[in-house]
mmCIF file of all heavy atoms, coordinates in Angstrom:
data_MODEL
# 
_entry.id   MODEL 
# 
loop_
_atom_site.group_PDB 
_atom_site.id 
_atom_site.type_symbol 
_atom_site.label_atom_id 
_atom_site.label_alt_id 
_atom_site.label_comp_id 
_atom_site.label_asym_id 
_atom_site.label_entity_id 
_atom_site.label_seq_id 
_atom_site.pdbx_PDB_ins_code 
_atom_site.Cartn_x 
_atom_site.Cartn_y 
_atom_site.Cartn_z 
_atom_site.occupancy 
_atom_site.B_iso_or_equiv 
_atom_site.pdbx_formal_charge 
_atom_site.auth_seq_id 
_atom_site.auth_comp_id 
_atom_site.auth_asym_id 
_atom_site.auth_atom_id 
_atom_site.pdbx_PDB_model_num 
ATOM 1   N N   . MET A 1 1  ? 16.299 -35.239 -97.468  1.00 0.00 ? 1  MET A N   1 
ATOM 2   C CA  . MET A 1 1  ? 17.476 -34.403 -97.724  1.00 0.00 ? 1  MET A CA  1 
ATOM 3   C C   . MET A 1 1  ? 17.459 -33.969 -99.185  1.00 0.00 ? 1  MET A C   1 
ATOM 4   O O   . MET A 1 1  ? 17.067 -34.745 -100.072 1.00 0.00 ? 1  MET A O   1 
ATOM 5   C CB  . MET A 1 1  ? 18.765 -35.176 -97.431  1.00 0.00 ? 1  MET A CB  1 
ATOM 6   C CG  . MET A 1 1  ? 20.047 -34.403 -97.671  1.00 0.00 ? 1  MET A CG  1 
ATOM 7   S SD  . MET A 1 1  ? 21.497 -35.456 -97.461  1.00 0.00 ? 1  MET A SD  1 
ATOM 8   C CE  . MET A 1 1  ? 22.796 -34.232 -97.417  1.00 0.00 ? 1  MET A CE  1 
ATOM 9   N N   . ALA A 1 2  ? 17.864 -32.745 -99.430  1.00 0.00 ? 2  ALA A N   1 
ATOM 10  C CA  . ALA A 1 2  ? 17.989 -32.246 -100.805 1.00 0.00 ? 2  ALA A CA  1 
ATOM 11  C C   . ALA A 1 2  ? 19.124 -31.236 -100.867 1.00 0.00 ? 2  ALA A C   1 
ATOM 12  O O   . ALA A 1 2  ? 19.270 -30.406 -99.959  1.00 0.00 ? 2  ALA A O   1 
ATOM 13  C CB  . ALA A 1 2  ? 16.695 -31.603 -101.276 1.00 0.00 ? 2  ALA A CB  1 
ATOM 14  N N   . PHE A 1 3  ? 19.903 -31.298 -101.930 1.00 0.00 ? 3  PHE A N   1 
ATOM 15  C CA  . PHE A 1 3  ? 20.985 -30.343 -102.162 1.00 0.00 ? 3  PHE A CA  1 
ATOM 16  C C   . PHE A 1 3  ? 20.486 -29.198 -103.028 1.00 0.00 ? 3  PHE A C   1 
ATOM 17  O O   . PHE A 1 3  ? 19.760 -29.408 -103.998 1.00 0.00 ? 3  PHE A O   1 
ATOM 18  C CB  . PHE A 1 3  ? 22.174 -31.030 -102.827 1.00 0.00 ? 3  PHE A CB  1 
ATOM 19  C CG  . PHE A 1 3  ? 22.914 -31.966 -101.916 1.00 0.00 ? 3  PHE A CG  1 
ATOM 20  C CD1 . PHE A 1 3  ? 22.592 -33.305 -101.865 1.00 0.00 ? 3  PHE A CD1 1 
ATOM 21  C CD2 . PHE A 1 3  ? 23.932 -31.489 -101.100 1.00 0.00 ? 3  PHE A CD2 1 
ATOM 22  C CE1 . PHE A 1 3  ? 23.274 -34.164 -101.016 1.00 0.00 ? 3  PHE A CE1 1 
ATOM 23  C CE2 . PHE A 1 3  ? 24.620 -32.337 -100.245 1.00 0.00 ? 3  PHE A CE2 1 
ATOM 24  C CZ  . PHE A 1 3  ? 24.279 -33.676 -100.199 1.00 0.00 ? 3  PHE A CZ  1 
ATOM 25  N N   . HIS A 1 4  ? 20.887 -28.001 -102.648 1.00 0.00 ? 4  HIS A N   1 
ATOM 26  C CA  . HIS A 1 4  ? 20.532 -26.828 -103.440 1.00 0.00 ? 4  HIS A CA  1 
ATOM 27  C C   . HIS A 1 4  ? 21.069 -26.984 -104.868 1.00 0.00 ? 4  HIS A C   1 
ATOM 28  O O   . HIS A 1 4  ? 22.153 -27.536 -105.067 1.00 0.00 ? 4  HIS A O   1 
ATOM 29  C CB  . HIS A 1 4  ? 21.131 -25.580 -102.779 1.00 0.00 ? 4  HIS A CB  1 
ATOM 30  C CG  . HIS A 1 4  ? 20.594 -24.289 -103.303 1.00 0.00 ? 4  HIS A CG  1 
ATOM 31  N ND1 . HIS A 1 4  ? 20.990 -23.764 -104.526 1.00 0.00 ? 4  HIS A ND1 1 
ATOM 32  C CD2 . HIS A 1 4  ? 19.691 -23.399 -102.797 1.00 0.00 ? 4  HIS A CD2 1 
ATOM 33  C CE1 . HIS A 1 4  ? 20.360 -22.627 -104.737 1.00 0.00 ? 4  HIS A CE1 1 
ATOM 34  N NE2 . HIS A 1 4  ? 19.576 -22.374 -103.702 1.00 0.00 ? 4  HIS A NE2 1 
ATOM 35  N N   . PRO A 1 5  ? 20.338 -26.517 -105.880 1.00 0.00 ? 5  PRO A N   1 
ATOM 36  C CA  . PRO A 1 5  ? 20.842 -26.608 -107.249 1.00 0.00 ? 5  PRO A CA  1 
ATOM 37  C C   . PRO A 1 5  ? 22.205 -25.965 -107.436 1.00 0.00 ? 5  PRO A C   1 
ATOM 38  O O   . PRO A 1 5  ? 22.978 -26.376 -108.313 1.00 0.00 ? 5  PRO A O   1 
ATOM 39  C CB  . PRO A 1 5  ? 19.765 -25.882 -108.066 1.00 0.00 ? 5  PRO A CB  1 
ATOM 40  C CG  . PRO A 1 5  ? 18.516 -26.018 -107.250 1.00 0.00 ? 5  PRO A CG  1 
ATOM 41  C CD  . PRO A 1 5  ? 18.965 -25.982 -105.830 1.00 0.00 ? 5  PRO A CD  1 
ATOM 42  N N   . ASP A 1 6  ? 22.524 -24.953 -106.612 1.00 0.00 ? 6  ASP A N   1 
ATOM 43  C CA  . ASP A 1 6  ? 23.827 -24.289 -106.692 1.00 0.00 ? 6  ASP A CA  1 
ATOM 44  C C   . ASP A 1 6  ? 24.732 -24.741 -105.541 1.00 0.00 ? 6  ASP A C   1 
ATOM 45  O O   . ASP A 1 6  ? 25.576 -23.961 -105.071 1.00 0.00 ? 6  ASP A O   1 
ATOM 46  C CB  . ASP A 1 6  ? 23.645 -22.772 -106.640 1.00 0.00 ? 6  ASP A CB  1 
ATOM 47  C CG  . ASP A 1 6  ? 22.919 -22.249 -107.870 1.00 0.00 ? 6  ASP A CG  1 
ATOM 48  O OD1 . ASP A 1 6  ? 23.100 -22.818 -108.959 1.00 0.00 ? 6  ASP A OD1 1 
ATOM 49  O OD2 . ASP A 1 6  ? 22.158 -21.268 -107.718 1.00 0.00 ? 6  ASP A OD2 1 
ATOM 50  N N   . TYR A 1 7  ? 24.564 -25.999 -105.124 1.00 0.00 ? 7  TYR A N   1 
ATOM 51  C CA  . TYR A 1 7  ? 25.335 -26.504 -103.989 1.00 0.00 ? 7  TYR A CA  1 
ATOM 52  C C   . TYR A 1 7  ? 26.835 -26.373 -104.219 1.00 0.00 ? 7  TYR A C   1 
ATOM 53  O O   . TYR A 1 7  ? 27.584 -26.042 -103.282 1.00 0.00 ? 7  TYR A O   1 
ATOM 54  C CB  . TYR A 1 7  ? 24.981 -27.980 -103.742 1.00 0.00 ? 7  TYR A CB  1 
ATOM 55  C CG  . TYR A 1 7  ? 25.807 -28.642 -102.671 1.00 0.00 ? 7  TYR A CG  1 
ATOM 56  C CD1 . TYR A 1 7  ? 25.593 -28.344 -101.330 1.00 0.00 ? 7  TYR A CD1 1 
ATOM 57  C CD2 . TYR A 1 7  ? 26.784 -29.579 -102.993 1.00 0.00 ? 7  TYR A CD2 1 
ATOM 58  C CE1 . TYR A 1 7  ? 26.335 -28.953 -100.327 1.00 0.00 ? 7  TYR A CE1 1 
ATOM 59  C CE2 . TYR A 1 7  ? 27.534 -30.199 -101.998 1.00 0.00 ? 7  TYR A CE2 1 
ATOM 60  C CZ  . TYR A 1 7  ? 27.310 -29.879 -100.680 1.00 0.00 ? 7  TYR A CZ  1 
ATOM 61  O OH  . TYR A 1 7  ? 28.062 -30.477 -99.702  1.00 0.00 ? 7  TYR A OH  1 
ATOM 62  N N   . ALA A 1 8  ? 27.291 -26.593 -105.439 1.00 0.00 ? 8  ALA A N   1 
ATOM 63  C CA  . ALA A 1 8  ? 28.735 -26.485 -105.711 1.00 0.00 ? 8  ALA A CA  1 
ATOM 64  C C   . ALA A 1 8  ? 29.273 -25.095 -105.415 1.00 0.00 ? 8  ALA A C   1 
ATOM 65  O O   . ALA A 1 8  ? 30.458 -24.935 -105.121 1.00 0.00 ? 8  ALA A O   1 
ATOM 66  C CB  . ALA A 1 8  ? 29.010 -26.864 -107.172 1.00 0.00 ? 8  ALA A CB  1 
ATOM 67  N N   . THR A 1 9  ? 28.380 -24.094 -105.448 1.00 0.00 ? 9  THR A N   1 
ATOM 68  C CA  . THR A 1 9  ? 28.786 -22.714 -105.187 1.00 0.00 ? 9  THR A CA  1 
ATOM 69  C C   . THR A 1 9  ? 28.473 -22.262 -103.761 1.00 0.00 ? 9  THR A C   1 
ATOM 70  O O   . THR A 1 9  ? 29.324 -21.697 -103.077 1.00 0.00 ? 9  THR A O   1 
ATOM 71  C CB  . THR A 1 9  ? 28.099 -21.760 -106.179 1.00 0.00 ? 9  THR A CB  1 
ATOM 72  O OG1 . THR A 1 9  ? 28.463 -22.147 -107.510 1.00 0.00 ? 9  THR A OG1 1 
ATOM 73  C CG2 . THR A 1 9  ? 28.528 -20.325 -105.938 1.00 0.00 ? 9  THR A CG2 1 
ATOM 74  N N   . ASN A 1 10 ? 27.224 -22.525 -103.323 1.00 0.00 ? 10 ASN A N   1 
ATOM 75  C CA  . ASN A 1 10 ? 26.823 -21.994 -102.010 1.00 0.00 ? 10 ASN A CA  1 
ATOM 76  C C   . ASN A 1 10 ? 26.922 -22.992 -100.870 1.00 0.00 ? 10 ASN A C   1 
ATOM 77  O O   . ASN A 1 10 ? 26.883 -22.610 -99.704  1.00 0.00 ? 10 ASN A O   1 
ATOM 78  C CB  . ASN A 1 10 ? 25.409 -21.400 -102.076 1.00 0.00 ? 10 ASN A CB  1 
ATOM 79  C CG  . ASN A 1 10 ? 24.345 -22.434 -102.422 1.00 0.00 ? 10 ASN A CG  1 
ATOM 80  O OD1 . ASN A 1 10 ? 24.456 -23.616 -102.127 1.00 0.00 ? 10 ASN A OD1 1 
ATOM 81  N ND2 . ASN A 1 10 ? 23.280 -21.973 -103.071 1.00 0.00 ? 10 ASN A ND2 1 
ATOM 82  N N   . GLY A 1 11 ? 27.037 -24.298 -101.176 1.00 0.00 ? 11 GLY A N   1 
ATOM 83  C CA  . GLY A 1 11 ? 27.213 -25.312 -100.138 1.00 0.00 ? 11 GLY A CA  1 
ATOM 84  C C   . GLY A 1 11 ? 25.976 -25.605 -99.303  1.00 0.00 ? 11 GLY A C   1 
ATOM 85  O O   . GLY A 1 11 ? 26.059 -26.307 -98.287  1.00 0.00 ? 11 GLY A O   1 
ATOM 86  N N   . PHE A 1 12 ? 24.792 -25.165 -99.728  1.00 0.00 ? 12 PHE A N   1 
ATOM 87  C CA  . PHE A 1 12 ? 23.580 -25.341 -98.929  1.00 0.00 ? 12 PHE A CA  1 
ATOM 88  C C   . PHE A 1 12 ? 22.909 -26.697 -99.222  1.00 0.00 ? 12 PHE A C   1 
ATOM 89  O O   . PHE A 1 12 ? 22.813 -27.117 -100.375 1.00 0.00 ? 12 PHE A O   1 
ATOM 90  C CB  . PHE A 1 12 ? 22.562 -24.223 -99.199  1.00 0.00 ? 12 PHE A CB  1 
ATOM 91  C CG  . PHE A 1 12 ? 22.986 -22.871 -98.702  1.00 0.00 ? 12 PHE A CG  1 
ATOM 92  C CD1 . PHE A 1 12 ? 22.567 -21.724 -99.365  1.00 0.00 ? 12 PHE A CD1 1 
ATOM 93  C CD2 . PHE A 1 12 ? 23.784 -22.736 -97.577  1.00 0.00 ? 12 PHE A CD2 1 
ATOM 94  C CE1 . PHE A 1 12 ? 22.930 -20.469 -98.909  1.00 0.00 ? 12 PHE A CE1 1 
ATOM 95  C CE2 . PHE A 1 12 ? 24.161 -21.491 -97.116  1.00 0.00 ? 12 PHE A CE2 1 
ATOM 96  C CZ  . PHE A 1 12 ? 23.748 -20.355 -97.777  1.00 0.00 ? 12 PHE A CZ  1 
ATOM 97  N N   . PHE A 1 13 ? 22.424 -27.328 -98.166  1.00 0.00 ? 13 PHE A N   1 
ATOM 98  C CA  . PHE A 1 13 ? 21.553 -28.491 -98.321  1.00 0.00 ? 13 PHE A CA  1 
ATOM 99  C C   . PHE A 1 13 ? 20.456 -28.392 -97.273  1.00 0.00 ? 13 PHE A C   1 
ATOM 100 O O   . PHE A 1 13 ? 20.556 -27.653 -96.285  1.00 0.00 ? 13 PHE A O   1 
ATOM 101 C CB  . PHE A 1 13 ? 22.326 -29.806 -98.235  1.00 0.00 ? 13 PHE A CB  1 
ATOM 102 C CG  . PHE A 1 13 ? 22.959 -30.088 -96.890  1.00 0.00 ? 13 PHE A CG  1 
ATOM 103 C CD1 . PHE A 1 13 ? 22.314 -30.871 -95.942  1.00 0.00 ? 13 PHE A CD1 1 
ATOM 104 C CD2 . PHE A 1 13 ? 24.210 -29.576 -96.583  1.00 0.00 ? 13 PHE A CD2 1 
ATOM 105 C CE1 . PHE A 1 13 ? 22.898 -31.130 -94.710  1.00 0.00 ? 13 PHE A CE1 1 
ATOM 106 C CE2 . PHE A 1 13 ? 24.807 -29.830 -95.353  1.00 0.00 ? 13 PHE A CE2 1 
ATOM 107 C CZ  . PHE A 1 13 ? 24.148 -30.627 -94.402  1.00 0.00 ? 13 PHE A CZ  1 
ATOM 108 N N   . TYR A 1 14 ? 19.392 -29.160 -97.471  1.00 0.00 ? 14 TYR A N   1 
ATOM 109 C CA  . TYR A 1 14 ? 18.175 -29.033 -96.669  1.00 0.00 ? 14 TYR A CA  1 
ATOM 110 C C   . TYR A 1 14 ? 17.759 -30.405 -96.152  1.00 0.00 ? 14 TYR A C   1 
ATOM 111 O O   . TYR A 1 14 ? 17.911 -31.426 -96.849  1.00 0.00 ? 14 TYR A O   1 
ATOM 112 C CB  . TYR A 1 14 ? 17.060 -28.399 -97.517  1.00 0.00 ? 14 TYR A CB  1 
ATOM 113 C CG  . TYR A 1 14 ? 17.453 -27.026 -98.019  1.00 0.00 ? 14 TYR A CG  1 
ATOM 114 C CD1 . TYR A 1 14 ? 18.316 -26.894 -99.115  1.00 0.00 ? 14 TYR A CD1 1 
ATOM 115 C CD2 . TYR A 1 14 ? 17.041 -25.886 -97.364  1.00 0.00 ? 14 TYR A CD2 1 
ATOM 116 C CE1 . TYR A 1 14 ? 18.725 -25.644 -99.550  1.00 0.00 ? 14 TYR A CE1 1 
ATOM 117 C CE2 . TYR A 1 14 ? 17.443 -24.627 -97.807  1.00 0.00 ? 14 TYR A CE2 1 
ATOM 118 C CZ  . TYR A 1 14 ? 18.290 -24.522 -98.888  1.00 0.00 ? 14 TYR A CZ  1 
ATOM 119 O OH  . TYR A 1 14 ? 18.700 -23.281 -99.313  1.00 0.00 ? 14 TYR A OH  1 
ATOM 120 N N   . VAL A 1 15 ? 17.253 -30.431 -94.931  1.00 0.00 ? 15 VAL A N   1 
ATOM 121 C CA  . VAL A 1 15 ? 16.816 -31.680 -94.330  1.00 0.00 ? 15 VAL A CA  1 
ATOM 122 C C   . VAL A 1 15 ? 15.405 -31.519 -93.792  1.00 0.00 ? 15 VAL A C   1 
ATOM 123 O O   . VAL A 1 15 ? 14.950 -30.410 -93.492  1.00 0.00 ? 15 VAL A O   1 
ATOM 124 C CB  . VAL A 1 15 ? 17.771 -32.143 -93.203  1.00 0.00 ? 15 VAL A CB  1 
ATOM 125 C CG1 . VAL A 1 15 ? 19.154 -32.434 -93.751  1.00 0.00 ? 15 VAL A CG1 1 
ATOM 126 C CG2 . VAL A 1 15 ? 17.825 -31.131 -92.065  1.00 0.00 ? 15 VAL A CG2 1 
ATOM 127 N N   . TYR A 1 16 ? 14.739 -32.650 -93.651  1.00 0.00 ? 16 TYR A N   1 
ATOM 128 C CA  . TYR A 1 16 ? 13.384 -32.711 -93.108  1.00 0.00 ? 16 TYR A CA  1 
ATOM 129 C C   . TYR A 1 16 ? 13.421 -33.723 -91.973  1.00 0.00 ? 16 TYR A C   1 
ATOM 130 O O   . TYR A 1 16 ? 13.847 -34.845 -92.157  1.00 0.00 ? 16 TYR A O   1 
ATOM 131 C CB  . TYR A 1 16 ? 12.439 -33.175 -94.211  1.00 0.00 ? 16 TYR A CB  1 
ATOM 132 C CG  . TYR A 1 16 ? 10.969 -33.257 -93.872  1.00 0.00 ? 16 TYR A CG  1 
ATOM 133 C CD1 . TYR A 1 16 ? 10.040 -32.458 -94.517  1.00 0.00 ? 16 TYR A CD1 1 
ATOM 134 C CD2 . TYR A 1 16 ? 10.482 -34.156 -92.921  1.00 0.00 ? 16 TYR A CD2 1 
ATOM 135 C CE1 . TYR A 1 16 ? 8.674  -32.543 -94.249  1.00 0.00 ? 16 TYR A CE1 1 
ATOM 136 C CE2 . TYR A 1 16 ? 9.132  -34.244 -92.628  1.00 0.00 ? 16 TYR A CE2 1 
ATOM 137 C CZ  . TYR A 1 16 ? 8.234  -33.437 -93.300  1.00 0.00 ? 16 TYR A CZ  1 
ATOM 138 O OH  . TYR A 1 16 ? 6.899  -33.528 -93.013  1.00 0.00 ? 16 TYR A OH  1 
ATOM 139 N N   . TYR A 1 17 ? 12.976 -33.304 -90.786  1.00 0.00 ? 17 TYR A N   1 
ATOM 140 C CA  . TYR A 1 17 ? 13.009 -34.217 -89.645  1.00 0.00 ? 17 TYR A CA  1 
ATOM 141 C C   . TYR A 1 17 ? 11.852 -33.956 -88.704  1.00 0.00 ? 17 TYR A C   1 
ATOM 142 O O   . TYR A 1 17 ? 11.220 -32.890 -88.715  1.00 0.00 ? 17 TYR A O   1 
ATOM 143 C CB  . TYR A 1 17 ? 14.344 -34.110 -88.898  1.00 0.00 ? 17 TYR A CB  1 
ATOM 144 C CG  . TYR A 1 17 ? 14.653 -32.778 -88.246  1.00 0.00 ? 17 TYR A CG  1 
ATOM 145 C CD1 . TYR A 1 17 ? 14.250 -32.499 -86.943  1.00 0.00 ? 17 TYR A CD1 1 
ATOM 146 C CD2 . TYR A 1 17 ? 15.363 -31.798 -88.944  1.00 0.00 ? 17 TYR A CD2 1 
ATOM 147 C CE1 . TYR A 1 17 ? 14.545 -31.279 -86.341  1.00 0.00 ? 17 TYR A CE1 1 
ATOM 148 C CE2 . TYR A 1 17 ? 15.671 -30.574 -88.351  1.00 0.00 ? 17 TYR A CE2 1 
ATOM 149 C CZ  . TYR A 1 17 ? 15.251 -30.317 -87.047  1.00 0.00 ? 17 TYR A CZ  1 
ATOM 150 O OH  . TYR A 1 17 ? 15.544 -29.104 -86.471  1.00 0.00 ? 17 TYR A OH  1 
ATOM 151 N N   . THR A 1 18 ? 11.564 -34.954 -87.867  1.00 0.00 ? 18 THR A N   1 
ATOM 152 C CA  . THR A 1 18 ? 10.603 -34.827 -86.780  1.00 0.00 ? 18 THR A CA  1 
ATOM 153 C C   . THR A 1 18 ? 11.346 -34.374 -85.542  1.00 0.00 ? 18 THR A C   1 
ATOM 154 O O   . THR A 1 18 ? 12.277 -35.058 -85.096  1.00 0.00 ? 18 THR A O   1 
ATOM 155 C CB  . THR A 1 18 ? 9.901  -36.158 -86.505  1.00 0.00 ? 18 THR A CB  1 
ATOM 156 O OG1 . THR A 1 18 ? 9.374  -36.687 -87.715  1.00 0.00 ? 18 THR A OG1 1 
ATOM 157 C CG2 . THR A 1 18 ? 8.785  -35.982 -85.498  1.00 0.00 ? 18 THR A CG2 1 
ATOM 158 N N   . ASN A 1 19 ? 10.967 -33.244 -84.978  1.00 0.00 ? 19 ASN A N   1 
ATOM 159 C CA  . ASN A 1 19 ? 11.696 -32.751 -83.809  1.00 0.00 ? 19 ASN A CA  1 
ATOM 160 C C   . ASN A 1 19 ? 11.230 -33.439 -82.536  1.00 0.00 ? 19 ASN A C   1 
ATOM 161 O O   . ASN A 1 19 ? 10.316 -34.292 -82.555  1.00 0.00 ? 19 ASN A O   1 
ATOM 162 C CB  . ASN A 1 19 ? 11.616 -31.216 -83.699  1.00 0.00 ? 19 ASN A CB  1 
ATOM 163 C CG  . ASN A 1 19 ? 10.210 -30.705 -83.401  1.00 0.00 ? 19 ASN A CG  1 
ATOM 164 O OD1 . ASN A 1 19 ? 9.311  -31.447 -82.990  1.00 0.00 ? 19 ASN A OD1 1 
ATOM 165 N ND2 . ASN A 1 19 ? 10.002 -29.417 -83.619  1.00 0.00 ? 19 ASN A ND2 1 
ATOM 166 N N   . THR A 1 20 ? 11.814 -33.088 -81.418  1.00 0.00 ? 20 THR A N   1 
ATOM 167 C CA  . THR A 1 20 ? 11.522 -33.779 -80.164  1.00 0.00 ? 20 THR A CA  1 
ATOM 168 C C   . THR A 1 20 ? 10.108 -33.484 -79.654  1.00 0.00 ? 20 THR A C   1 
ATOM 169 O O   . THR A 1 20 ? 9.641  -34.162 -78.737  1.00 0.00 ? 20 THR A O   1 
ATOM 170 C CB  . THR A 1 20 ? 12.557 -33.401 -79.094  1.00 0.00 ? 20 THR A CB  1 
ATOM 171 O OG1 . THR A 1 20 ? 12.636 -31.971 -78.992  1.00 0.00 ? 20 THR A OG1 1 
ATOM 172 C CG2 . THR A 1 20 ? 13.938 -33.963 -79.466  1.00 0.00 ? 20 THR A CG2 1 
ATOM 173 N N   . ASN A 1 21 ? 9.428  -32.498 -80.230  1.00 0.00 ? 21 ASN A N   1 
ATOM 174 C CA  . ASN A 1 21 ? 8.025  -32.245 -79.904  1.00 0.00 ? 21 ASN A CA  1 
ATOM 175 C C   . ASN A 1 21 ? 7.075  -33.030 -80.802  1.00 0.00 ? 21 ASN A C   1 
ATOM 176 O O   . ASN A 1 21 ? 5.859  -32.941 -80.643  1.00 0.00 ? 21 ASN A O   1 
ATOM 177 C CB  . ASN A 1 21 ? 7.712  -30.755 -80.031  1.00 0.00 ? 21 ASN A CB  1 
ATOM 178 C CG  . ASN A 1 21 ? 8.412  -29.908 -78.977  1.00 0.00 ? 21 ASN A CG  1 
ATOM 179 O OD1 . ASN A 1 21 ? 8.589  -30.338 -77.839  1.00 0.00 ? 21 ASN A OD1 1 
ATOM 180 N ND2 . ASN A 1 21 ? 8.831  -28.704 -79.367  1.00 0.00 ? 21 ASN A ND2 1 
ATOM 181 N N   . GLY A 1 22 ? 7.643  -33.746 -81.774  1.00 0.00 ? 22 GLY A N   1 
ATOM 182 C CA  . GLY A 1 22 ? 6.823  -34.515 -82.698  1.00 0.00 ? 22 GLY A CA  1 
ATOM 183 C C   . GLY A 1 22 ? 6.374  -33.747 -83.915  1.00 0.00 ? 22 GLY A C   1 
ATOM 184 O O   . GLY A 1 22 ? 5.580  -34.264 -84.716  1.00 0.00 ? 22 GLY A O   1 
ATOM 185 N N   . ASP A 1 23 ? 6.843  -32.510 -84.075  1.00 0.00 ? 23 ASP A N   1 
ATOM 186 C CA  . ASP A 1 23 ? 6.470  -31.716 -85.247  1.00 0.00 ? 23 ASP A CA  1 
ATOM 187 C C   . ASP A 1 23 ? 7.524  -31.851 -86.351  1.00 0.00 ? 23 ASP A C   1 
ATOM 188 O O   . ASP A 1 23 ? 8.639  -32.282 -86.099  1.00 0.00 ? 23 ASP A O   1 
ATOM 189 C CB  . ASP A 1 23 ? 6.303  -30.249 -84.851  1.00 0.00 ? 23 ASP A CB  1 
ATOM 190 C CG  . ASP A 1 23 ? 5.172  -30.045 -83.841  1.00 0.00 ? 23 ASP A CG  1 
ATOM 191 O OD1 . ASP A 1 23 ? 4.169  -30.781 -83.933  1.00 0.00 ? 23 ASP A OD1 1 
ATOM 192 O OD2 . ASP A 1 23 ? 5.305  -29.169 -82.952  1.00 0.00 ? 23 ASP A OD2 1 
ATOM 193 N N   . ASN A 1 24 ? 7.160  -31.469 -87.555  1.00 0.00 ? 24 ASN A N   1 
ATOM 194 C CA  . ASN A 1 24 ? 8.035  -31.624 -88.712  1.00 0.00 ? 24 ASN A CA  1 
ATOM 195 C C   . ASN A 1 24 ? 8.756  -30.330 -89.025  1.00 0.00 ? 24 ASN A C   1 
ATOM 196 O O   . ASN A 1 24 ? 8.152  -29.252 -89.034  1.00 0.00 ? 24 ASN A O   1 
ATOM 197 C CB  . ASN A 1 24 ? 7.255  -32.096 -89.937  1.00 0.00 ? 24 ASN A CB  1 
ATOM 198 C CG  . ASN A 1 24 ? 6.646  -33.468 -89.738  1.00 0.00 ? 24 ASN A CG  1 
ATOM 199 O OD1 . ASN A 1 24 ? 5.498  -33.705 -90.102  1.00 0.00 ? 24 ASN A OD1 1 
ATOM 200 N ND2 . ASN A 1 24 ? 7.383  -34.397 -89.155  1.00 0.00 ? 24 ASN A ND2 1 
ATOM 201 N N   . VAL A 1 25 ? 10.051 -30.438 -89.302  1.00 0.00 ? 25 VAL A N   1 
ATOM 202 C CA  . VAL A 1 25 ? 10.920 -29.292 -89.492  1.00 0.00 ? 25 VAL A CA  1 
ATOM 203 C C   . VAL A 1 25 ? 11.648 -29.407 -90.828  1.00 0.00 ? 25 VAL A C   1 
ATOM 204 O O   . VAL A 1 25 ? 12.144 -30.480 -91.182  1.00 0.00 ? 25 VAL A O   1 
ATOM 205 C CB  . VAL A 1 25 ? 11.945 -29.197 -88.341  1.00 0.00 ? 25 VAL A CB  1 
ATOM 206 C CG1 . VAL A 1 25 ? 12.954 -28.080 -88.609  1.00 0.00 ? 25 VAL A CG1 1 
ATOM 207 C CG2 . VAL A 1 25 ? 11.239 -28.969 -87.006  1.00 0.00 ? 25 VAL A CG2 1 
ATOM 208 N N   . VAL A 1 26 ? 11.727 -28.315 -91.551  1.00 0.00 ? 26 VAL A N   1 
ATOM 209 C CA  . VAL A 1 26 ? 12.619 -28.199 -92.702  1.00 0.00 ? 26 VAL A CA  1 
ATOM 210 C C   . VAL A 1 26 ? 13.699 -27.191 -92.327  1.00 0.00 ? 26 VAL A C   1 
ATOM 211 O O   . VAL A 1 26 ? 13.379 -26.069 -91.908  1.00 0.00 ? 26 VAL A O   1 
ATOM 212 C CB  . VAL A 1 26 ? 11.861 -27.723 -93.954  1.00 0.00 ? 26 VAL A CB  1 
ATOM 213 C CG1 . VAL A 1 26 ? 12.832 -27.515 -95.126  1.00 0.00 ? 26 VAL A CG1 1 
ATOM 214 C CG2 . VAL A 1 26 ? 10.766 -28.715 -94.352  1.00 0.00 ? 26 VAL A CG2 1 
# 
């Protein structure tokens, strides 16, 4: 997980996970 540098303004954050097919997603 990572918060956007401008999170206080834009509210965006990012996650990295393994999906149900076993592949990696951002």
